[in-house]
Amino acid sequence: MKLRCDIEVDVVGLELYELEVTPPREDFELEVKRATQAVRSGEVASLDRARELYRRFGTDPTRMRPSSEALMRRMKKGEPLPRINSLVDVANALSVQLQVPVGLYDLGKVKGDELVIRLGRDGEGYEGIGKEKVNVAGRICVADAEGPCGNPSADSARTMITTDTEAAAWVYFLPVRDDDIDRTAELIAVFGRGLVRMIP
């Protein structure tokens, strides 16, 4: 799997393989508590980096929020961290704490051998996960050979992670520290029972 950027963004791509994704796991509660506590105490990272990324490409981050901020805002209102499956739960917990949007794409459903980060073209969009059509015209998006399948606000139903997922691409839409990558790999190993390599 290759990851190509056609716009000037600094992303981190990880390829996850030999995954065993399960329904939400009870032993993930500690990570849920950690994320919830970080939100309540204001110990999450700054929202500015993700907002600045949106503004740089002409998107108002107060109208179309980065997924990391949208999750945090829901939790600040007292809603729990959503529990989807063992891998998506890891992505949500880390995204909230780091305030970096995360894209997750099932490589068994991705068309072609390359994901491209680019601006959406006129009329482009996709069916979001649990949402109506997501319009990506003029916005940052991730596309495969068939077209857009994600953006920093919402991923597509077409390439979403399920308990059948065996390999996935994980995209941090902003730079993260080596420590954060190590922690990501550790959590994926425990809760996704998978291995991780950097996508060049």
C-alpha atoms as a PDB file:
ATOM      1  CA  MET A   1       0.000   0.000   0.000  1.00  0.00           C
ATOM      2  CA  LYS A   2       1.289   3.447  -0.951  1.00  0.00           C
ATOM      3  CA  LEU A   3       0.191   6.844   0.322  1.00  0.00           C
ATOM      4  CA  ARG A   4       0.647   9.872  -1.922  1.00  0.00           C
ATOM      5  CA  CYS A   5       0.023  13.525  -1.108  1.00  0.00           C
ATOM      6  CA  ASP A   6      -0.993  15.753  -4.027  1.00  0.00           C
ATOM      7  CA  ILE A   7      -1.356  18.741  -1.685  1.00  0.00           C
ATOM      8  CA  GLU A   8       1.006  20.164   0.896  1.00  0.00           C
ATOM      9  CA  VAL A   9       0.045  18.287   4.017  1.00  0.00           C
ATOM     10  CA  ASP A  10       2.245  16.489   6.504  1.00  0.00           C
ATOM     11  CA  VAL A  11       0.477  13.237   7.344  1.00  0.00           C
ATOM     12  CA  VAL A  12       1.514   9.994   9.019  1.00  0.00           C
ATOM     13  CA  GLY A  13       0.394   6.776   7.325  1.00  0.00           C
ATOM     14  CA  LEU A  14       0.422   3.368   9.003  1.00  0.00           C
ATOM     15  CA  GLU A  15      -0.368   0.025   7.427  1.00  0.00           C
ATOM     16  CA  LEU A  16      -2.062  -2.406   9.810  1.00  0.00           C
ATOM     17  CA  TYR A  17      -2.012  -6.090   8.951  1.00  0.00           C
ATOM     18  CA  GLU A  18      -2.869  -9.490  10.438  1.00  0.00           C
ATOM     19  CA  LEU A  19      -5.681  -7.753  12.297  1.00  0.00           C
ATOM     20  CA  GLU A  20      -8.300  -9.495  14.394  1.00  0.00           C
ATOM     21  CA  VAL A  21     -10.957  -6.834  14.927  1.00  0.00           C
ATOM     22  CA  THR A  22     -13.564  -7.721  17.530  1.00  0.00           C
ATOM     23  CA  PRO A  23     -16.713  -6.104  18.907  1.00  0.00           C
ATOM     24  CA  PRO A  24     -15.912  -3.481  21.598  1.00  0.00           C
ATOM     25  CA  ARG A  25     -13.774  -5.001  24.348  1.00  0.00           C
ATOM     26  CA  GLU A  26     -14.412  -4.575  28.067  1.00  0.00           C
ATOM     27  CA  ASP A  27     -10.684  -4.324  28.785  1.00  0.00           C
ATOM     28  CA  PHE A  28     -10.574  -1.107  26.722  1.00  0.00           C
ATOM     29  CA  GLU A  29     -12.396   0.728  29.525  1.00  0.00           C
ATOM     30  CA  LEU A  30      -9.112   2.001  30.972  1.00  0.00           C
ATOM     31  CA  GLU A  31      -8.331   3.796  27.688  1.00  0.00           C
ATOM     32  CA  VAL A  32     -11.884   5.157  27.553  1.00  0.00           C
ATOM     33  CA  LYS A  33     -11.444   6.532  31.081  1.00  0.00           C
ATOM     34  CA  ARG A  34      -8.095   8.054  30.111  1.00  0.00           C
ATOM     35  CA  ALA A  35      -9.643   9.839  27.110  1.00  0.00           C
ATOM     36  CA  THR A  36     -12.676  10.969  29.143  1.00  0.00           C
ATOM     37  CA  GLN A  37     -10.466  12.283  31.939  1.00  0.00           C
ATOM     38  CA  ALA A  38      -8.278  14.165  29.442  1.00  0.00           C
ATOM     39  CA  VAL A  39     -11.357  15.876  27.977  1.00  0.00           C
ATOM     40  CA  ARG A  40     -12.807  16.764  31.395  1.00  0.00           C
ATOM     41  CA  SER A  41      -9.534  18.152  32.730  1.00  0.00           C
ATOM     42  CA  GLY A  42      -8.672  20.008  29.533  1.00  0.00           C
ATOM     43  CA  GLU A  43      -5.530  17.920  29.054  1.00  0.00           C
ATOM     44  CA  VAL A  44      -6.172  17.196  25.391  1.00  0.00           C
ATOM     45  CA  ALA A  45      -3.804  18.716  22.842  1.00  0.00           C
ATOM     46  CA  SER A  46      -4.607  22.088  21.257  1.00  0.00           C
ATOM     47  CA  LEU A  47      -7.430  22.306  18.698  1.00  0.00           C
ATOM     48  CA  ASP A  48      -5.478  24.906  16.741  1.00  0.00           C
ATOM     49  CA  ARG A  49      -3.453  22.562  14.513  1.00  0.00           C
ATOM     50  CA  ALA A  50      -6.472  20.770  13.065  1.00  0.00           C
ATOM     51  CA  ARG A  51      -8.409  24.018  12.662  1.00  0.00           C
ATOM     52  CA  GLU A  52      -5.441  25.614  10.899  1.00  0.00           C
ATOM     53  CA  LEU A  53      -5.235  22.638   8.510  1.00  0.00           C
ATOM     54  CA  TYR A  54      -8.869  23.208   7.530  1.00  0.00           C
ATOM     55  CA  ARG A  55      -8.444  26.965   7.118  1.00  0.00           C
ATOM     56  CA  ARG A  56      -5.356  26.497   4.958  1.00  0.00           C
ATOM     57  CA  PHE A  57      -7.507  24.752   2.364  1.00  0.00           C
ATOM     58  CA  GLY A  58     -10.472  27.098   2.638  1.00  0.00           C
ATOM     59  CA  THR A  59     -12.727  25.089   4.970  1.00  0.00           C
ATOM     60  CA  ASP A  60     -14.300  26.798   7.985  1.00  0.00           C
ATOM     61  CA  PRO A  61     -13.529  24.440  10.931  1.00  0.00           C
ATOM     62  CA  THR A  62     -16.457  25.804  12.928  1.00  0.00           C
ATOM     63  CA  ARG A  63     -18.919  24.677  10.234  1.00  0.00           C
ATOM     64  CA  MET A  64     -17.240  21.414   9.202  1.00  0.00           C
ATOM     65  CA  ARG A  65     -15.386  20.236  12.288  1.00  0.00           C
ATOM     66  CA  PRO A  66     -12.328  17.973  12.348  1.00  0.00           C
ATOM     67  CA  SER A  67     -13.434  14.553  13.633  1.00  0.00           C
ATOM     68  CA  SER A  68     -11.092  14.881  16.646  1.00  0.00           C
ATOM     69  CA  GLU A  69     -12.762  18.105  17.763  1.00  0.00           C
ATOM     70  CA  ALA A  70     -16.284  16.824  17.052  1.00  0.00           C
ATOM     71  CA  LEU A  71     -15.625  13.815  19.291  1.00  0.00           C
ATOM     72  CA  MET A  72     -14.211  16.000  22.057  1.00  0.00           C
ATOM     73  CA  ARG A  73     -17.199  18.363  21.936  1.00  0.00           C
ATOM     74  CA  ARG A  74     -19.615  15.446  22.248  1.00  0.00           C
ATOM     75  CA  MET A  75     -17.696  14.139  25.252  1.00  0.00           C
ATOM     76  CA  LYS A  76     -17.630  17.577  26.883  1.00  0.00           C
ATOM     77  CA  LYS A  77     -21.438  17.500  26.740  1.00  0.00           C
ATOM     78  CA  GLY A  78     -21.312  14.286  28.756  1.00  0.00           C
ATOM     79  CA  GLU A  79     -21.754  11.828  25.894  1.00  0.00           C
ATOM     80  CA  PRO A  80     -19.526   8.744  26.145  1.00  0.00           C
ATOM     81  CA  LEU A  81     -16.714   7.942  23.713  1.00  0.00           C
ATOM     82  CA  PRO A  82     -18.523   5.961  20.994  1.00  0.00           C
ATOM     83  CA  ARG A  83     -17.766   2.226  21.039  1.00  0.00           C
ATOM     84  CA  ILE A  84     -17.775   0.721  17.535  1.00  0.00           C
ATOM     85  CA  ASN A  85     -15.261  -2.126  17.428  1.00  0.00           C
ATOM     86  CA  SER A  86     -11.842  -2.847  18.924  1.00  0.00           C
ATOM     87  CA  LEU A  87      -9.877  -0.956  16.242  1.00  0.00           C
ATOM     88  CA  VAL A  88     -12.123   2.065  15.705  1.00  0.00           C
ATOM     89  CA  ASP A  89     -12.282   2.503  19.490  1.00  0.00           C
ATOM     90  CA  VAL A  90      -8.469   2.851  19.577  1.00  0.00           C
ATOM     91  CA  ALA A  91      -8.584   5.435  16.776  1.00  0.00           C
ATOM     92  CA  ASN A  92     -11.268   7.483  18.538  1.00  0.00           C
ATOM     93  CA  ALA A  93      -9.496   7.440  21.913  1.00  0.00           C
ATOM     94  CA  LEU A  94      -6.169   8.550  20.408  1.00  0.00           C
ATOM     95  CA  SER A  95      -7.774  11.122  18.112  1.00  0.00           C
ATOM     96  CA  VAL A  96      -9.494  12.809  21.071  1.00  0.00           C
ATOM     97  CA  GLN A  97      -6.366  12.914  23.218  1.00  0.00           C
ATOM     98  CA  LEU A  98      -3.983  14.071  20.462  1.00  0.00           C
ATOM     99  CA  GLN A  99      -6.600  16.289  18.751  1.00  0.00           C
ATOM    100  CA  VAL A 100      -5.527  14.888  15.390  1.00  0.00           C
ATOM    101  CA  PRO A 101      -8.145  13.579  12.954  1.00  0.00           C
ATOM    102  CA  VAL A 102      -7.659   9.892  12.120  1.00  0.00           C
ATOM    103  CA  GLY A 103      -8.754   8.184   8.910  1.00  0.00           C
ATOM    104  CA  LEU A 104      -9.162   4.381   8.887  1.00  0.00           C
ATOM    105  CA  TYR A 105      -9.625   2.451   5.645  1.00  0.00           C
ATOM    106  CA  ASP A 106     -10.184  -1.287   5.173  1.00  0.00           C
ATOM    107  CA  LEU A 107      -7.525  -2.299   2.636  1.00  0.00           C
ATOM    108  CA  GLY A 108      -9.678  -5.240   1.541  1.00  0.00           C
ATOM    109  CA  LYS A 109     -12.227  -2.688   0.281  1.00  0.00           C
ATOM    110  CA  VAL A 110      -9.823  -0.040  -1.053  1.00  0.00           C
ATOM    111  CA  LYS A 111      -9.546  -0.105  -4.858  1.00  0.00           C
ATOM    112  CA  GLY A 112      -6.019  -0.098  -6.278  1.00  0.00           C
ATOM    113  CA  ASP A 113      -2.758  -0.094  -4.333  1.00  0.00           C
ATOM    114  CA  GLU A 114      -2.538   3.601  -3.530  1.00  0.00           C
ATOM    115  CA  LEU A 115      -4.359   6.118  -1.361  1.00  0.00           C
ATOM    116  CA  VAL A 116      -4.042   9.726  -2.481  1.00  0.00           C
ATOM    117  CA  ILE A 117      -4.552  12.762  -0.274  1.00  0.00           C
ATOM    118  CA  ARG A 118      -5.860  15.578  -2.437  1.00  0.00           C
ATOM    119  CA  LEU A 119      -8.591  18.192  -2.734  1.00  0.00           C
ATOM    120  CA  GLY A 120     -12.000  16.901  -3.754  1.00  0.00           C
ATOM    121  CA  ARG A 121     -13.178  17.804  -7.231  1.00  0.00           C
ATOM    122  CA  ASP A 122     -16.505  19.407  -8.098  1.00  0.00           C
ATOM    123  CA  GLY A 123     -19.393  17.077  -7.357  1.00  0.00           C
ATOM    124  CA  GLU A 124     -17.278  14.511  -5.512  1.00  0.00           C
ATOM    125  CA  GLY A 125     -18.557  12.891  -2.350  1.00  0.00           C
ATOM    126  CA  TYR A 126     -19.453   9.577  -0.786  1.00  0.00           C
ATOM    127  CA  GLU A 127     -21.860   7.918   1.592  1.00  0.00           C
ATOM    128  CA  GLY A 128     -20.572   8.587   5.104  1.00  0.00           C
ATOM    129  CA  ILE A 129     -20.672   6.129   7.979  1.00  0.00           C
ATOM    130  CA  GLY A 130     -24.162   6.517   9.415  1.00  0.00           C
ATOM    131  CA  LYS A 131     -24.533   9.774   7.500  1.00  0.00           C
ATOM    132  CA  GLU A 132     -26.013  11.123   4.345  1.00  0.00           C
ATOM    133  CA  LYS A 133     -23.711  11.939   1.460  1.00  0.00           C
ATOM    134  CA  VAL A 134     -20.477  13.673   2.462  1.00  0.00           C
ATOM    135  CA  ASN A 135     -19.486  16.406   0.012  1.00  0.00           C
ATOM    136  CA  VAL A 136     -15.717  16.780  -0.427  1.00  0.00           C
ATOM    137  CA  ALA A 137     -15.565  19.262  -3.309  1.00  0.00           C
ATOM    138  CA  GLY A 138     -12.698  21.673  -2.563  1.00  0.00           C
ATOM    139  CA  ARG A 139     -11.900  19.889   0.719  1.00  0.00           C
ATOM    140  CA  ILE A 140      -9.063  17.630   1.820  1.00  0.00           C
ATOM    141  CA  CYS A 141      -9.961  14.024   1.061  1.00  0.00           C
ATOM    142  CA  VAL A 142      -8.434  10.574   0.777  1.00  0.00           C
ATOM    143  CA  ALA A 143      -9.149   8.789  -2.508  1.00  0.00           C
ATOM    144  CA  ASP A 144      -8.498   5.383  -3.999  1.00  0.00           C
ATOM    145  CA  ALA A 145      -8.848   4.282  -7.626  1.00  0.00           C
ATOM    146  CA  GLU A 146     -12.652   4.522  -7.340  1.00  0.00           C
ATOM    147  CA  GLY A 147     -12.745   8.016  -5.831  1.00  0.00           C
ATOM    148  CA  PRO A 148     -12.882   9.689  -2.403  1.00  0.00           C
ATOM    149  CA  CYS A 149     -13.340   7.401   0.602  1.00  0.00           C
ATOM    150  CA  GLY A 150     -12.594   9.669   3.535  1.00  0.00           C
ATOM    151  CA  ASN A 151     -11.654  13.095   4.866  1.00  0.00           C
ATOM    152  CA  PRO A 152     -10.553  14.481   8.249  1.00  0.00           C
ATOM    153  CA  SER A 153     -14.203  14.907   9.297  1.00  0.00           C
ATOM    154  CA  ALA A 154     -15.848  11.651   8.189  1.00  0.00           C
ATOM    155  CA  ASP A 155     -14.888   8.344   6.590  1.00  0.00           C
ATOM    156  CA  SER A 156     -16.944   6.502   3.982  1.00  0.00           C
ATOM    157  CA  ALA A 157     -19.206   3.519   4.503  1.00  0.00           C
ATOM    158  CA  ARG A 158     -17.518   1.872   1.494  1.00  0.00           C
ATOM    159  CA  THR A 159     -14.119   1.374   3.175  1.00  0.00           C
ATOM    160  CA  MET A 160     -15.167   1.346   6.842  1.00  0.00           C
ATOM    161  CA  ILE A 161     -13.605  -0.968   9.417  1.00  0.00           C
ATOM    162  CA  THR A 162     -15.669  -3.983  10.511  1.00  0.00           C
ATOM    163  CA  THR A 163     -14.958  -7.165  12.462  1.00  0.00           C
ATOM    164  CA  ASP A 164     -14.087  -8.746   9.072  1.00  0.00           C
ATOM    165  CA  THR A 165     -11.241  -6.274   8.465  1.00  0.00           C
ATOM    166  CA  GLU A 166      -7.835  -7.992   8.223  1.00  0.00           C
ATOM    167  CA  ALA A 167      -5.697  -5.104   6.918  1.00  0.00           C
ATOM    168  CA  ALA A 168      -6.181  -1.356   7.166  1.00  0.00           C
ATOM    169  CA  ALA A 169      -4.578   2.001   6.465  1.00  0.00           C
ATOM    170  CA  TRP A 170      -4.450   4.444   9.385  1.00  0.00           C
ATOM    171  CA  VAL A 171      -3.869   8.101   8.510  1.00  0.00           C
ATOM    172  CA  TYR A 172      -3.030  10.800  11.034  1.00  0.00           C
ATOM    173  CA  PHE A 173      -3.911  14.010   9.165  1.00  0.00           C
ATOM    174  CA  LEU A 174      -1.275  15.970  11.129  1.00  0.00           C
ATOM    175  CA  PRO A 175       2.259  15.137  12.267  1.00  0.00           C
ATOM    176  CA  VAL A 176       2.481  13.191  15.527  1.00  0.00           C
ATOM    177  CA  ARG A 177       5.474  12.437  17.735  1.00  0.00           C
ATOM    178  CA  ASP A 178       7.372   9.151  17.614  1.00  0.00           C
ATOM    179  CA  ASP A 179       6.047   8.427  21.122  1.00  0.00           C
ATOM    180  CA  ASP A 180       2.500   8.781  19.805  1.00  0.00           C
ATOM    181  CA  ILE A 181       3.241   6.386  16.931  1.00  0.00           C
ATOM    182  CA  ASP A 182       4.717   3.882  19.398  1.00  0.00           C
ATOM    183  CA  ARG A 183       1.627   4.144  21.598  1.00  0.00           C
ATOM    184  CA  THR A 184      -0.611   3.733  18.547  1.00  0.00           C
ATOM    185  CA  ALA A 185       1.248   0.561  17.567  1.00  0.00           C
ATOM    186  CA  GLU A 186       1.021  -0.783  21.134  1.00  0.00           C
ATOM    187  CA  LEU A 187      -2.737  -0.241  21.331  1.00  0.00           C
ATOM    188  CA  ILE A 188      -3.271  -1.746  17.874  1.00  0.00           C
ATOM    189  CA  ALA A 189      -1.228  -4.791  18.909  1.00  0.00           C
ATOM    190  CA  VAL A 190      -3.321  -5.293  22.046  1.00  0.00           C
ATOM    191  CA  PHE A 191      -6.818  -4.397  20.829  1.00  0.00           C
ATOM    192  CA  GLY A 192      -6.566  -5.046  17.091  1.00  0.00           C
ATOM    193  CA  ARG A 193      -4.161  -7.941  17.588  1.00  0.00           C
ATOM    194  CA  GLY A 194      -2.352  -6.599  14.535  1.00  0.00           C
ATOM    195  CA  LEU A 195       1.070  -5.504  13.351  1.00  0.00           C
ATOM    196  CA  VAL A 196       1.954  -2.023  12.165  1.00  0.00           C
ATOM    197  CA  ARG A 197       4.405  -0.620   9.632  1.00  0.00           C
ATOM    198  CA  MET A 198       4.911   2.927   8.406  1.00  0.00           C
ATOM    199  CA  ILE A 199       3.621   3.655   4.912  1.00  0.00           C
ATOM    200  CA  PRO A 200       6.442   5.410   3.053  1.00  0.00           C
END
